[in-house]
Amino acid sequence: MKKIEAVIRHFKLEEVKDALTAAGINGMTVSEVRGFGRQKGHKEQYRGAEYTVDFLPKVKLEVVVDDSELQSILDTIIKAARTGQIGDGKIFVSDLAQTIRIRTGETGAESL
């Protein structure tokens, strides 16, 4: 099993969620996060003073999938989240050693 963590733009969340639901994903975790990548934030002006916004607001979406579904789910996220502009985000994929559904005690793919 794999854990997919996608850091995306706020306004793309509904589009990504709808695409993942259509692809058969049953559950996901969403967190509001702040960070920066290569662009190192941006400069803004407020009341005539210029200041740098270092940490940009993003959304982190976490999904756990079976190995066989990995590439199709990655493609779904990329297609739904892409705007073609700097700051579209990143996707991180990790191996999961084990998952357990607390209510039933099911493990592995059955727990998803």
PDB file of N, CA and C in Angstrom:
ATOM      1  N   MET A   1       0.835  -1.181   0.000  1.00  0.00           N
ATOM      2  CA  MET A   1       0.000   0.000   0.000  1.00  0.00           C
ATOM      3  C   MET A   1       0.879   1.244   0.000  1.00  0.00           C
ATOM      4  N   LYS A   2       0.319   2.321  -0.520  1.00  0.00           N
ATOM      5  CA  LYS A   2       1.045   3.588  -0.625  1.00  0.00           C
ATOM      6  C   LYS A   2       0.217   4.707  -0.006  1.00  0.00           C
ATOM      7  N   LYS A   3       0.915   5.657   0.572  1.00  0.00           N
ATOM      8  CA  LYS A   3       0.280   6.878   1.076  1.00  0.00           C
ATOM      9  C   LYS A   3       0.675   8.010   0.137  1.00  0.00           C
ATOM     10  N   ILE A   4      -0.325   8.683  -0.400  1.00  0.00           N
ATOM     11  CA  ILE A   4      -0.106   9.807  -1.299  1.00  0.00           C
ATOM     12  C   ILE A   4      -0.414  11.085  -0.527  1.00  0.00           C
ATOM     13  N   GLU A   5       0.546  11.999  -0.497  1.00  0.00           N
ATOM     14  CA  GLU A   5       0.342  13.313   0.097  1.00  0.00           C
ATOM     15  C   GLU A   5       0.485  14.334  -1.028  1.00  0.00           C
ATOM     16  N   ALA A   6      -0.580  15.057  -1.305  1.00  0.00           N
ATOM     17  CA  ALA A   6      -0.566  16.061  -2.365  1.00  0.00           C
ATOM     18  C   ALA A   6      -0.780  17.435  -1.754  1.00  0.00           C
ATOM     19  N   VAL A   7       0.147  18.343  -2.000  1.00  0.00           N
ATOM     20  CA  VAL A   7       0.024  19.724  -1.548  1.00  0.00           C
ATOM     21  C   VAL A   7      -0.436  20.524  -2.765  1.00  0.00           C
ATOM     22  N   ILE A   8      -1.657  21.067  -2.679  1.00  0.00           N
ATOM     23  CA  ILE A   8      -2.278  21.709  -3.846  1.00  0.00           C
ATOM     24  C   ILE A   8      -2.822  23.088  -3.474  1.00  0.00           C
ATOM     25  N   ARG A   9      -3.287  23.799  -4.476  1.00  0.00           N
ATOM     26  CA  ARG A   9      -3.904  25.109  -4.267  1.00  0.00           C
ATOM     27  C   ARG A   9      -5.294  24.945  -3.645  1.00  0.00           C
ATOM     28  N   HIS A  10      -5.693  25.921  -2.823  1.00  0.00           N
ATOM     29  CA  HIS A  10      -7.002  25.873  -2.160  1.00  0.00           C
ATOM     30  C   HIS A  10      -8.155  25.703  -3.142  1.00  0.00           C
ATOM     31  N   PHE A  11      -8.159  26.499  -4.197  1.00  0.00           N
ATOM     32  CA  PHE A  11      -9.318  26.512  -5.089  1.00  0.00           C
ATOM     33  C   PHE A  11      -9.420  25.262  -5.953  1.00  0.00           C
ATOM     34  N   LYS A  12      -8.412  24.387  -5.919  1.00  0.00           N
ATOM     35  CA  LYS A  12      -8.456  23.140  -6.672  1.00  0.00           C
ATOM     36  C   LYS A  12      -8.964  21.962  -5.830  1.00  0.00           C
ATOM     37  N   LEU A  13      -9.199  22.181  -4.548  1.00  0.00           N
ATOM     38  CA  LEU A  13      -9.581  21.085  -3.657  1.00  0.00           C
ATOM     39  C   LEU A  13     -10.854  20.374  -4.105  1.00  0.00           C
ATOM     40  N   GLU A  14     -11.919  21.112  -4.387  1.00  0.00           N
ATOM     41  CA  GLU A  14     -13.188  20.484  -4.780  1.00  0.00           C
ATOM     42  C   GLU A  14     -13.035  19.688  -6.071  1.00  0.00           C
ATOM     43  N   GLU A  15     -12.298  20.239  -7.023  1.00  0.00           N
ATOM     44  CA  GLU A  15     -12.089  19.558  -8.295  1.00  0.00           C
ATOM     45  C   GLU A  15     -11.316  18.248  -8.094  1.00  0.00           C
ATOM     46  N   VAL A  16     -10.280  18.283  -7.262  1.00  0.00           N
ATOM     47  CA  VAL A  16      -9.499  17.080  -6.976  1.00  0.00           C
ATOM     48  C   VAL A  16     -10.341  16.070  -6.206  1.00  0.00           C
ATOM     49  N   LYS A  17     -11.088  16.537  -5.222  1.00  0.00           N
ATOM     50  CA  LYS A  17     -11.945  15.647  -4.424  1.00  0.00           C
ATOM     51  C   LYS A  17     -12.967  14.951  -5.311  1.00  0.00           C
ATOM     52  N   ASP A  18     -13.620  15.699  -6.188  1.00  0.00           N
ATOM     53  CA  ASP A  18     -14.622  15.117  -7.088  1.00  0.00           C
ATOM     54  C   ASP A  18     -13.986  14.095  -8.028  1.00  0.00           C
ATOM     55  N   ALA A  19     -12.796  14.392  -8.533  1.00  0.00           N
ATOM     56  CA  ALA A  19     -12.108  13.474  -9.439  1.00  0.00           C
ATOM     57  C   ALA A  19     -11.708  12.185  -8.712  1.00  0.00           C
ATOM     58  N   LEU A  20     -11.232  12.310  -7.475  1.00  0.00           N
ATOM     59  CA  LEU A  20     -10.851  11.124  -6.706  1.00  0.00           C
ATOM     60  C   LEU A  20     -12.067  10.283  -6.333  1.00  0.00           C
ATOM     61  N   THR A  21     -13.158  10.930  -5.988  1.00  0.00           N
ATOM     62  CA  THR A  21     -14.389  10.203  -5.677  1.00  0.00           C
ATOM     63  C   THR A  21     -14.877   9.440  -6.908  1.00  0.00           C
ATOM     64  N   ALA A  22     -14.813  10.072  -8.067  1.00  0.00           N
ATOM     65  CA  ALA A  22     -15.208   9.411  -9.309  1.00  0.00           C
ATOM     66  C   ALA A  22     -14.273   8.244  -9.645  1.00  0.00           C
ATOM     67  N   ALA A  23     -13.023   8.324  -9.196  1.00  0.00           N
ATOM     68  CA  ALA A  23     -12.051   7.263  -9.455  1.00  0.00           C
ATOM     69  C   ALA A  23     -12.162   6.120  -8.445  1.00  0.00           C
ATOM     70  N   GLY A  24     -13.078   6.250  -7.475  1.00  0.00           N
ATOM     71  CA  GLY A  24     -13.312   5.166  -6.529  1.00  0.00           C
ATOM     72  C   GLY A  24     -12.631   5.284  -5.189  1.00  0.00           C
ATOM     73  N   ILE A  25     -12.068   6.435  -4.883  1.00  0.00           N
ATOM     74  CA  ILE A  25     -11.433   6.633  -3.577  1.00  0.00           C
ATOM     75  C   ILE A  25     -12.523   6.825  -2.534  1.00  0.00           C
ATOM     76  N   ASN A  26     -12.464   6.042  -1.454  1.00  0.00           N
ATOM     77  CA  ASN A  26     -13.502   6.081  -0.418  1.00  0.00           C
ATOM     78  C   ASN A  26     -13.207   7.042   0.720  1.00  0.00           C
ATOM     79  N   GLY A  27     -11.956   7.390   0.932  1.00  0.00           N
ATOM     80  CA  GLY A  27     -11.634   8.267   2.047  1.00  0.00           C
ATOM     81  C   GLY A  27     -10.391   9.079   1.779  1.00  0.00           C
ATOM     82  N   MET A  28     -10.323  10.232   2.413  1.00  0.00           N
ATOM     83  CA  MET A  28      -9.163  11.103   2.292  1.00  0.00           C
ATOM     84  C   MET A  28      -9.117  12.016   3.501  1.00  0.00           C
ATOM     85  N   THR A  29      -7.950  12.550   3.765  1.00  0.00           N
ATOM     86  CA  THR A  29      -7.763  13.506   4.847  1.00  0.00           C
ATOM     87  C   THR A  29      -7.270  14.804   4.229  1.00  0.00           C
ATOM     88  N   VAL A  30      -7.857  15.924   4.660  1.00  0.00           N
ATOM     89  CA  VAL A  30      -7.485  17.233   4.128  1.00  0.00           C
ATOM     90  C   VAL A  30      -7.048  18.122   5.286  1.00  0.00           C
ATOM     91  N   SER A  31      -5.917  18.801   5.108  1.00  0.00           N
ATOM     92  CA  SER A  31      -5.403  19.735   6.118  1.00  0.00           C
ATOM     93  C   SER A  31      -5.048  21.046   5.436  1.00  0.00           C
ATOM     94  N   GLU A  32      -5.271  22.137   6.132  1.00  0.00           N
ATOM     95  CA  GLU A  32      -4.802  23.434   5.643  1.00  0.00           C
ATOM     96  C   GLU A  32      -3.383  23.615   6.154  1.00  0.00           C
ATOM     97  N   VAL A  33      -2.470  23.880   5.223  1.00  0.00           N
ATOM     98  CA  VAL A  33      -1.062  24.014   5.567  1.00  0.00           C
ATOM     99  C   VAL A  33      -0.505  25.299   4.958  1.00  0.00           C
ATOM    100  N   ARG A  34       0.703  25.651   5.381  1.00  0.00           N
ATOM    101  CA  ARG A  34       1.388  26.810   4.815  1.00  0.00           C
ATOM    102  C   ARG A  34       2.818  26.402   4.540  1.00  0.00           C
ATOM    103  N   GLY A  35       3.377  26.911   3.445  1.00  0.00           N
ATOM    104  CA  GLY A  35       4.751  26.576   3.116  1.00  0.00           C
ATOM    105  C   GLY A  35       5.219  27.321   1.887  1.00  0.00           C
ATOM    106  N   PHE A  36       6.421  26.978   1.438  1.00  0.00           N
ATOM    107  CA  PHE A  36       6.933  27.581   0.215  1.00  0.00           C
ATOM    108  C   PHE A  36       7.825  26.582  -0.492  1.00  0.00           C
ATOM    109  N   GLY A  37       7.971  26.785  -1.777  1.00  0.00           N
ATOM    110  CA  GLY A  37       8.827  25.949  -2.604  1.00  0.00           C
ATOM    111  C   GLY A  37       9.894  26.796  -3.242  1.00  0.00           C
ATOM    112  N   ARG A  38      10.135  26.565  -4.511  1.00  0.00           N
ATOM    113  CA  ARG A  38      11.190  27.287  -5.224  1.00  0.00           C
ATOM    114  C   ARG A  38      10.951  28.785  -5.283  1.00  0.00           C
ATOM    115  N   GLN A  39       9.678  29.206  -5.335  1.00  0.00           N
ATOM    116  CA  GLN A  39       9.402  30.631  -5.506  1.00  0.00           C
ATOM    117  C   GLN A  39       9.648  31.433  -4.231  1.00  0.00           C
ATOM    118  N   LYS A  40       9.785  30.781  -3.103  1.00  0.00           N
ATOM    119  CA  LYS A  40      10.087  31.428  -1.815  1.00  0.00           C
ATOM    120  C   LYS A  40       9.069  32.501  -1.441  1.00  0.00           C
ATOM    121  N   GLY A  41       7.803  32.272  -1.743  1.00  0.00           N
ATOM    122  CA  GLY A  41       6.772  33.244  -1.406  1.00  0.00           C
ATOM    123  C   GLY A  41       6.675  34.335  -2.456  1.00  0.00           C
ATOM    124  N   HIS A  42       6.083  35.466  -2.065  1.00  0.00           N
ATOM    125  CA  HIS A  42       5.961  36.587  -2.988  1.00  0.00           C
ATOM    126  C   HIS A  42       5.895  37.890  -2.208  1.00  0.00           C
ATOM    127  N   LYS A  43       6.047  39.010  -2.917  1.00  0.00           N
ATOM    128  CA  LYS A  43       6.004  40.320  -2.271  1.00  0.00           C
ATOM    129  C   LYS A  43       4.630  40.947  -2.470  1.00  0.00           C
ATOM    130  N   GLU A  44       4.148  41.621  -1.429  1.00  0.00           N
ATOM    131  CA  GLU A  44       2.874  42.329  -1.483  1.00  0.00           C
ATOM    132  C   GLU A  44       3.065  43.719  -0.909  1.00  0.00           C
ATOM    133  N   GLN A  45       2.112  44.587  -1.221  1.00  0.00           N
ATOM    134  CA  GLN A  45       2.138  45.933  -0.645  1.00  0.00           C
ATOM    135  C   GLN A  45       0.900  46.131   0.209  1.00  0.00           C
ATOM    136  N   TYR A  46       1.107  46.733   1.384  1.00  0.00           N
ATOM    137  CA  TYR A  46       0.009  47.053   2.271  1.00  0.00           C
ATOM    138  C   TYR A  46       0.245  48.448   2.825  1.00  0.00           C
ATOM    139  N   ARG A  47      -0.663  49.360   2.520  1.00  0.00           N
ATOM    140  CA  ARG A  47      -0.558  50.755   2.958  1.00  0.00           C
ATOM    141  C   ARG A  47       0.789  51.371   2.604  1.00  0.00           C
ATOM    142  N   GLY A  48       1.235  51.079   1.400  1.00  0.00           N
ATOM    143  CA  GLY A  48       2.465  51.674   0.896  1.00  0.00           C
ATOM    144  C   GLY A  48       3.740  50.958   1.282  1.00  0.00           C
ATOM    145  N   ALA A  49       3.660  50.020   2.197  1.00  0.00           N
ATOM    146  CA  ALA A  49       4.856  49.293   2.618  1.00  0.00           C
ATOM    147  C   ALA A  49       4.900  47.930   1.918  1.00  0.00           C
ATOM    148  N   GLU A  50       6.047  47.595   1.393  1.00  0.00           N
ATOM    149  CA  GLU A  50       6.212  46.294   0.735  1.00  0.00           C
ATOM    150  C   GLU A  50       6.715  45.280   1.748  1.00  0.00           C
ATOM    151  N   TYR A  51       6.126  44.091   1.724  1.00  0.00           N
ATOM    152  CA  TYR A  51       6.584  43.030   2.611  1.00  0.00           C
ATOM    153  C   TYR A  51       6.526  41.702   1.874  1.00  0.00           C
ATOM    154  N   THR A  52       7.273  40.730   2.378  1.00  0.00           N
ATOM    155  CA  THR A  52       7.365  39.418   1.752  1.00  0.00           C
ATOM    156  C   THR A  52       6.471  38.430   2.485  1.00  0.00           C
ATOM    157  N   VAL A  53       5.663  37.704   1.728  1.00  0.00           N
ATOM    158  CA  VAL A  53       4.852  36.627   2.284  1.00  0.00           C
ATOM    159  C   VAL A  53       5.636  35.345   2.027  1.00  0.00           C
ATOM    160  N   ASP A  54       6.265  34.808   3.081  1.00  0.00           N
ATOM    161  CA  ASP A  54       7.132  33.643   2.933  1.00  0.00           C
ATOM    162  C   ASP A  54       6.331  32.345   2.817  1.00  0.00           C
ATOM    163  N   PHE A  55       5.353  32.163   3.680  1.00  0.00           N
ATOM    164  CA  PHE A  55       4.599  30.924   3.710  1.00  0.00           C
ATOM    165  C   PHE A  55       3.242  31.126   3.046  1.00  0.00           C
ATOM    166  N   LEU A  56       3.043  30.418   1.937  1.00  0.00           N
ATOM    167  CA  LEU A  56       1.802  30.537   1.182  1.00  0.00           C
ATOM    168  C   LEU A  56       0.799  29.497   1.661  1.00  0.00           C
ATOM    169  N   PRO A  57      -0.480  29.852   1.726  1.00  0.00           N
ATOM    170  CA  PRO A  57      -1.492  28.876   2.156  1.00  0.00           C
ATOM    171  C   PRO A  57      -1.729  27.839   1.062  1.00  0.00           C
ATOM    172  N   LYS A  58      -1.776  26.583   1.474  1.00  0.00           N
ATOM    173  CA  LYS A  58      -2.029  25.456   0.571  1.00  0.00           C
ATOM    174  C   LYS A  58      -2.948  24.470   1.294  1.00  0.00           C
ATOM    175  N   VAL A  59      -3.331  23.428   0.575  1.00  0.00           N
ATOM    176  CA  VAL A  59      -4.122  22.347   1.140  1.00  0.00           C
ATOM    177  C   VAL A  59      -3.327  21.065   0.954  1.00  0.00           C
ATOM    178  N   LYS A  60      -3.241  20.258   2.022  1.00  0.00           N
ATOM    179  CA  LYS A  60      -2.576  18.958   1.910  1.00  0.00           C
ATOM    180  C   LYS A  60      -3.644  17.871   1.944  1.00  0.00           C
ATOM    181  N   LEU A  61      -3.649  17.057   0.914  1.00  0.00           N
ATOM    182  CA  LEU A  61      -4.608  15.976   0.757  1.00  0.00           C
ATOM    183  C   LEU A  61      -3.854  14.665   0.936  1.00  0.00           C
ATOM    184  N   GLU A  62      -4.359  13.790   1.823  1.00  0.00           N
ATOM    185  CA  GLU A  62      -3.719  12.501   2.062  1.00  0.00           C
ATOM    186  C   GLU A  62      -4.678  11.384   1.678  1.00  0.00           C
ATOM    187  N   VAL A  63      -4.174  10.429   0.895  1.00  0.00           N
ATOM    188  CA  VAL A  63      -4.963   9.300   0.415  1.00  0.00           C
ATOM    189  C   VAL A  63      -4.098   8.053   0.516  1.00  0.00           C
ATOM    190  N   VAL A  64      -4.695   6.944   0.953  1.00  0.00           N
ATOM    191  CA  VAL A  64      -4.000   5.664   0.988  1.00  0.00           C
ATOM    192  C   VAL A  64      -4.621   4.762  -0.068  1.00  0.00           C
ATOM    193  N   VAL A  65      -3.762   4.176  -0.912  1.00  0.00           N
ATOM    194  CA  VAL A  65      -4.247   3.338  -2.007  1.00  0.00           C
ATOM    195  C   VAL A  65      -3.456   2.034  -2.072  1.00  0.00           C
ATOM    196  N   ASP A  66      -4.064   1.041  -2.700  1.00  0.00           N
ATOM    197  CA  ASP A  66      -3.379  -0.208  -2.988  1.00  0.00           C
ATOM    198  C   ASP A  66      -2.345   0.055  -4.084  1.00  0.00           C
ATOM    199  N   ASP A  67      -1.270  -0.716  -4.101  1.00  0.00           N
ATOM    200  CA  ASP A  67      -0.202  -0.513  -5.088  1.00  0.00           C
ATOM    201  C   ASP A  67      -0.731  -0.518  -6.517  1.00  0.00           C
ATOM    202  N   SER A  68      -1.717  -1.356  -6.792  1.00  0.00           N
ATOM    203  CA  SER A  68      -2.239  -1.473  -8.154  1.00  0.00           C
ATOM    204  C   SER A  68      -2.970  -0.218  -8.622  1.00  0.00           C
ATOM    205  N   GLU A  69      -3.451   0.590  -7.682  1.00  0.00           N
ATOM    206  CA  GLU A  69      -4.191   1.811  -8.020  1.00  0.00           C
ATOM    207  C   GLU A  69      -3.316   3.058  -8.076  1.00  0.00           C
ATOM    208  N   LEU A  70      -2.075   2.944  -7.657  1.00  0.00           N
ATOM    209  CA  LEU A  70      -1.218   4.114  -7.451  1.00  0.00           C
ATOM    210  C   LEU A  70      -1.141   5.025  -8.669  1.00  0.00           C
ATOM    211  N   GLN A  71      -0.730   4.502  -9.813  1.00  0.00           N
ATOM    212  CA  GLN A  71      -0.487   5.361 -10.972  1.00  0.00           C
ATOM    213  C   GLN A  71      -1.762   6.043 -11.463  1.00  0.00           C
ATOM    214  N   SER A  72      -2.881   5.338 -11.454  1.00  0.00           N
ATOM    215  CA  SER A  72      -4.121   5.962 -11.927  1.00  0.00           C
ATOM    216  C   SER A  72      -4.569   7.075 -10.982  1.00  0.00           C
ATOM    217  N   ILE A  73      -4.370   6.903  -9.683  1.00  0.00           N
ATOM    218  CA  ILE A  73      -4.745   7.944  -8.720  1.00  0.00           C
ATOM    219  C   ILE A  73      -3.797   9.138  -8.847  1.00  0.00           C
ATOM    220  N   LEU A  74      -2.514   8.891  -9.043  1.00  0.00           N
ATOM    221  CA  LEU A  74      -1.568   9.993  -9.254  1.00  0.00           C
ATOM    222  C   LEU A  74      -1.949  10.793 -10.494  1.00  0.00           C
ATOM    223  N   ASP A  75      -2.271  10.092 -11.577  1.00  0.00           N
ATOM    224  CA  ASP A  75      -2.685  10.774 -12.802  1.00  0.00           C
ATOM    225  C   ASP A  75      -3.944  11.606 -12.585  1.00  0.00           C
ATOM    226  N   THR A  76      -4.879  11.072 -11.802  1.00  0.00           N
ATOM    227  CA  THR A  76      -6.129  11.787 -11.500  1.00  0.00           C
ATOM    228  C   THR A  76      -5.850  13.074 -10.736  1.00  0.00           C
ATOM    229  N   ILE A  77      -4.987  13.002  -9.726  1.00  0.00           N
ATOM    230  CA  ILE A  77      -4.652  14.192  -8.930  1.00  0.00           C
ATOM    231  C   ILE A  77      -3.951  15.228  -9.802  1.00  0.00           C
ATOM    232  N   ILE A  78      -2.978  14.793 -10.583  1.00  0.00           N
ATOM    233  CA  ILE A  78      -2.225  15.719 -11.437  1.00  0.00           C
ATOM    234  C   ILE A  78      -3.155  16.422 -12.416  1.00  0.00           C
ATOM    235  N   LYS A  79      -4.020  15.668 -13.064  1.00  0.00           N
ATOM    236  CA  LYS A  79      -4.929  16.248 -14.049  1.00  0.00           C
ATOM    237  C   LYS A  79      -5.880  17.269 -13.412  1.00  0.00           C
ATOM    238  N   ALA A  80      -6.404  16.951 -12.226  1.00  0.00           N
ATOM    239  CA  ALA A  80      -7.375  17.839 -11.575  1.00  0.00           C
ATOM    240  C   ALA A  80      -6.724  19.057 -10.924  1.00  0.00           C
ATOM    241  N   ALA A  81      -5.481  18.923 -10.449  1.00  0.00           N
ATOM    242  CA  ALA A  81      -4.841  20.006  -9.691  1.00  0.00           C
ATOM    243  C   ALA A  81      -4.012  20.950 -10.546  1.00  0.00           C
ATOM    244  N   ARG A  82      -3.693  20.559 -11.757  1.00  0.00           N
ATOM    245  CA  ARG A  82      -2.773  21.352 -12.587  1.00  0.00           C
ATOM    246  C   ARG A  82      -3.443  22.610 -13.145  1.00  0.00           C
ATOM    247  N   THR A  83      -2.748  23.744 -12.984  1.00  0.00           N
ATOM    248  CA  THR A  83      -3.157  24.988 -13.636  1.00  0.00           C
ATOM    249  C   THR A  83      -2.123  25.410 -14.670  1.00  0.00           C
ATOM    250  N   GLY A  84      -0.914  24.868 -14.550  1.00  0.00           N
ATOM    251  CA  GLY A  84       0.171  25.245 -15.444  1.00  0.00           C
ATOM    252  C   GLY A  84       0.980  26.421 -14.937  1.00  0.00           C
ATOM    253  N   GLN A  85       0.637  26.927 -13.772  1.00  0.00           N
ATOM    254  CA  GLN A  85       1.330  28.075 -13.188  1.00  0.00           C
ATOM    255  C   GLN A  85       2.278  27.617 -12.077  1.00  0.00           C
ATOM    256  N   ILE A  86       3.245  28.458 -11.753  1.00  0.00           N
ATOM    257  CA  ILE A  86       4.129  28.188 -10.620  1.00  0.00           C
ATOM    258  C   ILE A  86       3.280  28.123  -9.360  1.00  0.00           C
ATOM    259  N   GLY A  87       3.551  27.141  -8.508  1.00  0.00           N
ATOM    260  CA  GLY A  87       2.826  27.018  -7.255  1.00  0.00           C
ATOM    261  C   GLY A  87       1.699  25.999  -7.288  1.00  0.00           C
ATOM    262  N   ASP A  88       1.635  25.171  -8.343  1.00  0.00           N
ATOM    263  CA  ASP A  88       0.592  24.147  -8.420  1.00  0.00           C
ATOM    264  C   ASP A  88       0.719  23.110  -7.318  1.00  0.00           C
ATOM    265  N   GLY A  89       1.909  22.890  -6.796  1.00  0.00           N
ATOM    266  CA  GLY A  89       2.079  21.979  -5.666  1.00  0.00           C
ATOM    267  C   GLY A  89       2.999  20.821  -5.948  1.00  0.00           C
ATOM    268  N   LYS A  90       2.973  19.856  -5.026  1.00  0.00           N
ATOM    269  CA  LYS A  90       3.825  18.677  -5.105  1.00  0.00           C
ATOM    270  C   LYS A  90       3.021  17.468  -4.636  1.00  0.00           C
ATOM    271  N   ILE A  91       3.483  16.280  -5.069  1.00  0.00           N
ATOM    272  CA  ILE A  91       2.908  15.019  -4.610  1.00  0.00           C
ATOM    273  C   ILE A  91       4.047  14.178  -4.057  1.00  0.00           C
ATOM    274  N   PHE A  92       3.821  13.600  -2.872  1.00  0.00           N
ATOM    275  CA  PHE A  92       4.793  12.725  -2.234  1.00  0.00           C
ATOM    276  C   PHE A  92       4.146  11.350  -2.059  1.00  0.00           C
ATOM    277  N   VAL A  93       4.892  10.295  -2.368  1.00  0.00           N
ATOM    278  CA  VAL A  93       4.384   8.929  -2.246  1.00  0.00           C
ATOM    279  C   VAL A  93       5.282   8.177  -1.272  1.00  0.00           C
ATOM    280  N   SER A  94       4.647   7.518  -0.274  1.00  0.00           N
ATOM    281  CA  SER A  94       5.384   6.753   0.736  1.00  0.00           C
ATOM    282  C   SER A  94       4.837   5.338   0.811  1.00  0.00           C
ATOM    283  N   ASP A  95       5.704   4.397   1.188  1.00  0.00           N
ATOM    284  CA  ASP A  95       5.264   3.029   1.456  1.00  0.00           C
ATOM    285  C   ASP A  95       4.629   2.969   2.841  1.00  0.00           C
ATOM    286  N   LEU A  96       3.569   2.177   2.961  1.00  0.00           N
ATOM    287  CA  LEU A  96       2.942   1.944   4.253  1.00  0.00           C
ATOM    288  C   LEU A  96       3.186   0.504   4.669  1.00  0.00           C
ATOM    289  N   ALA A  97       3.677   0.316   5.874  1.00  0.00           N
ATOM    290  CA  ALA A  97       3.939  -1.031   6.361  1.00  0.00           C
ATOM    291  C   ALA A  97       2.642  -1.738   6.743  1.00  0.00           C
ATOM    292  N   GLN A  98       1.713  -0.990   7.334  1.00  0.00           N
ATOM    293  CA  GLN A  98       0.482  -1.625   7.794  1.00  0.00           C
ATOM    294  C   GLN A  98      -0.606  -0.580   8.009  1.00  0.00           C
ATOM    295  N   THR A  99      -1.843  -0.985   7.786  1.00  0.00           N
ATOM    296  CA  THR A  99      -3.002  -0.166   8.160  1.00  0.00           C
ATOM    297  C   THR A  99      -3.981  -1.055   8.905  1.00  0.00           C
ATOM    298  N   ILE A 100      -4.686  -0.450   9.855  1.00  0.00           N
ATOM    299  CA  ILE A 100      -5.647  -1.194  10.673  1.00  0.00           C
ATOM    300  C   ILE A 100      -6.900  -0.352  10.822  1.00  0.00           C
ATOM    301  N   ARG A 101      -8.054  -0.942  10.562  1.00  0.00           N
ATOM    302  CA  ARG A 101      -9.321  -0.277  10.839  1.00  0.00           C
ATOM    303  C   ARG A 101      -9.633  -0.539  12.308  1.00  0.00           C
ATOM    304  N   ILE A 102      -9.713   0.506  13.097  1.00  0.00           N
ATOM    305  CA  ILE A 102      -9.870   0.376  14.544  1.00  0.00           C
ATOM    306  C   ILE A 102     -11.172  -0.338  14.908  1.00  0.00           C
ATOM    307  N   ARG A 103     -12.265   0.019  14.262  1.00  0.00           N
ATOM    308  CA  ARG A 103     -13.577  -0.544  14.619  1.00  0.00           C
ATOM    309  C   ARG A 103     -13.639  -2.054  14.467  1.00  0.00           C
ATOM    310  N   THR A 104     -13.104  -2.587  13.349  1.00  0.00           N
ATOM    311  CA  THR A 104     -13.251  -4.010  13.060  1.00  0.00           C
ATOM    312  C   THR A 104     -11.975  -4.814  13.241  1.00  0.00           C
ATOM    313  N   GLY A 105     -10.835  -4.156  13.303  1.00  0.00           N
ATOM    314  CA  GLY A 105      -9.574  -4.860  13.403  1.00  0.00           C
ATOM    315  C   GLY A 105      -9.026  -5.339  12.074  1.00  0.00           C
ATOM    316  N   GLU A 106      -9.721  -5.009  10.956  1.00  0.00           N
ATOM    317  CA  GLU A 106      -9.250  -5.403   9.635  1.00  0.00           C
ATOM    318  C   GLU A 106      -7.887  -4.758   9.377  1.00  0.00           C
ATOM    319  N   THR A 107      -7.050  -5.481   8.635  1.00  0.00           N
ATOM    320  CA  THR A 107      -5.718  -4.951   8.315  1.00  0.00           C
ATOM    321  C   THR A 107      -5.487  -4.988   6.820  1.00  0.00           C
ATOM    322  N   GLY A 108      -4.459  -4.297   6.381  1.00  0.00           N
ATOM    323  CA  GLY A 108      -4.078  -4.291   4.982  1.00  0.00           C
ATOM    324  C   GLY A 108      -5.126  -3.643   4.094  1.00  0.00           C
ATOM    325  N   ALA A 109      -5.267  -4.161   2.877  1.00  0.00           N
ATOM    326  CA  ALA A 109      -6.178  -3.574   1.883  1.00  0.00           C
ATOM    327  C   ALA A 109      -7.628  -3.616   2.348  1.00  0.00           C
ATOM    328  N   GLU A 110      -8.001  -4.610   3.154  1.00  0.00           N
ATOM    329  CA  GLU A 110      -9.375  -4.691   3.656  1.00  0.00           C
ATOM    330  C   GLU A 110      -9.730  -3.534   4.578  1.00  0.00           C
ATOM    331  N   SER A 111      -8.713  -2.920   5.201  1.00  0.00           N
ATOM    332  CA  SER A 111      -8.972  -1.822   6.137  1.00  0.00           C
ATOM    333  C   SER A 111      -9.259  -0.510   5.442  1.00  0.00           C
ATOM    334  N   LEU A 112      -8.973  -0.452   4.137  1.00  0.00           N
ATOM    335  CA  LEU A 112      -9.202   0.790   3.403  1.00  0.00           C
ATOM    336  C   LEU A 112     -10.673   0.910   3.084  1.00  0.00           C
TER     337      LEU A 112
END
